[in-house]
Amino acid sequence: MFVDFREPPPPPPPWRPKPRDPRPQLTPRQQNALAAIIGVNVLLLLIAPIGGATVIQAISALFR
């Protein structure tokens, strides 16, 4: 077996990521459901701290 050391071996081919499959689009019904979920979360984001403060005040009033 003969190994030629006169020239360096060729470089390996560059790494390429696998092509992605196109994601399926949301149906209009799924879009409406997602919008409703996001809307409820934003509403709760604004209302929940007020409710949490009320609960904390009620608990502190019990121990006074």
C-alpha atoms as a PDB file:
ATOM      1  CA  MET A   1       0.000   0.000   0.000  1.00  0.00           C
ATOM      2  CA  PHE A   2       1.412   3.364  -1.012  1.00  0.00           C
ATOM      3  CA  VAL A   3       0.573   6.707   0.654  1.00  0.00           C
ATOM      4  CA  ASP A   4       1.524   9.827  -1.241  1.00  0.00           C
ATOM      5  CA  PHE A   5       2.767  12.446   1.247  1.00  0.00           C
ATOM      6  CA  ARG A   6       3.855  14.966  -1.398  1.00  0.00           C
ATOM      7  CA  GLU A   7       0.536  16.807  -1.576  1.00  0.00           C
ATOM      8  CA  PRO A   8      -1.894  17.454   1.276  1.00  0.00           C
ATOM      9  CA  PRO A   9      -5.245  15.738   0.988  1.00  0.00           C
ATOM     10  CA  PRO A  10      -8.118  17.820  -0.359  1.00  0.00           C
ATOM     11  CA  PRO A  11     -10.193  19.609   2.292  1.00  0.00           C
ATOM     12  CA  PRO A  12     -13.500  18.073   3.277  1.00  0.00           C
ATOM     13  CA  PRO A  13     -16.603  19.601   1.727  1.00  0.00           C
ATOM     14  CA  PRO A  14     -18.021  22.555   3.681  1.00  0.00           C
ATOM     15  CA  TRP A  15     -20.767  21.887   6.191  1.00  0.00           C
ATOM     16  CA  ARG A  16     -24.227  22.809   5.014  1.00  0.00           C
ATOM     17  CA  PRO A  17     -27.364  22.567   7.122  1.00  0.00           C
ATOM     18  CA  LYS A  18     -30.163  20.358   5.937  1.00  0.00           C
ATOM     19  CA  PRO A  19     -32.869  22.257   4.067  1.00  0.00           C
ATOM     20  CA  ARG A  20     -35.914  22.885   6.217  1.00  0.00           C
ATOM     21  CA  ASP A  21     -39.317  21.663   5.278  1.00  0.00           C
ATOM     22  CA  PRO A  22     -41.730  24.559   4.814  1.00  0.00           C
ATOM     23  CA  ARG A  23     -43.882  24.957   7.890  1.00  0.00           C
ATOM     24  CA  PRO A  24     -47.597  24.530   7.440  1.00  0.00           C
ATOM     25  CA  GLN A  25     -49.552  27.763   7.640  1.00  0.00           C
ATOM     26  CA  LEU A  26     -52.157  28.333  10.342  1.00  0.00           C
ATOM     27  CA  THR A  27     -55.753  28.041   9.282  1.00  0.00           C
ATOM     28  CA  PRO A  28     -58.027  31.049   9.909  1.00  0.00           C
ATOM     29  CA  ARG A  29     -59.638  29.202  12.826  1.00  0.00           C
ATOM     30  CA  GLN A  30     -56.227  28.542  14.388  1.00  0.00           C
ATOM     31  CA  GLN A  31     -55.260  32.191  13.851  1.00  0.00           C
ATOM     32  CA  ASN A  32     -58.409  33.350  15.659  1.00  0.00           C
ATOM     33  CA  ALA A  33     -57.771  30.941  18.544  1.00  0.00           C
ATOM     34  CA  LEU A  34     -54.164  32.131  18.844  1.00  0.00           C
ATOM     35  CA  ALA A  35     -55.267  35.787  18.801  1.00  0.00           C
ATOM     36  CA  ALA A  36     -57.841  35.079  21.539  1.00  0.00           C
ATOM     37  CA  ILE A  37     -55.253  33.317  23.713  1.00  0.00           C
ATOM     38  CA  ILE A  38     -52.782  36.185  23.302  1.00  0.00           C
ATOM     39  CA  GLY A  39     -55.525  38.728  24.066  1.00  0.00           C
ATOM     40  CA  VAL A  40     -56.528  36.927  27.269  1.00  0.00           C
ATOM     41  CA  ASN A  41     -52.882  36.712  28.351  1.00  0.00           C
ATOM     42  CA  VAL A  42     -52.349  40.449  27.779  1.00  0.00           C
ATOM     43  CA  LEU A  43     -55.548  41.235  29.691  1.00  0.00           C
ATOM     44  CA  LEU A  44     -54.468  39.036  32.599  1.00  0.00           C
ATOM     45  CA  LEU A  45     -51.021  40.633  32.503  1.00  0.00           C
ATOM     46  CA  LEU A  46     -52.683  43.970  33.279  1.00  0.00           C
ATOM     47  CA  ILE A  47     -55.350  42.738  35.733  1.00  0.00           C
ATOM     48  CA  ALA A  48     -53.499  40.026  37.701  1.00  0.00           C
ATOM     49  CA  PRO A  49     -51.149  42.381  39.616  1.00  0.00           C
ATOM     50  CA  ILE A  50     -54.168  44.302  40.910  1.00  0.00           C
ATOM     51  CA  GLY A  51     -55.811  41.068  42.036  1.00  0.00           C
ATOM     52  CA  GLY A  52     -52.561  39.865  43.587  1.00  0.00           C
ATOM     53  CA  ALA A  53     -52.186  43.113  45.521  1.00  0.00           C
ATOM     54  CA  THR A  54     -55.767  42.775  46.770  1.00  0.00           C
ATOM     55  CA  VAL A  55     -55.118  39.232  48.012  1.00  0.00           C
ATOM     56  CA  ILE A  56     -51.926  40.325  49.785  1.00  0.00           C
ATOM     57  CA  GLN A  57     -53.782  43.224  51.444  1.00  0.00           C
ATOM     58  CA  ALA A  58     -56.570  40.870  52.556  1.00  0.00           C
ATOM     59  CA  ILE A  59     -54.080  38.428  54.097  1.00  0.00           C
ATOM     60  CA  SER A  60     -52.222  41.236  55.854  1.00  0.00           C
ATOM     61  CA  ALA A  61     -55.557  42.563  57.190  1.00  0.00           C
ATOM     62  CA  LEU A  62     -56.313  39.128  58.695  1.00  0.00           C
ATOM     63  CA  PHE A  63     -53.132  39.203  60.769  1.00  0.00           C
ATOM     64  CA  ARG A  64     -53.618  42.726  62.149  1.00  0.00           C
END
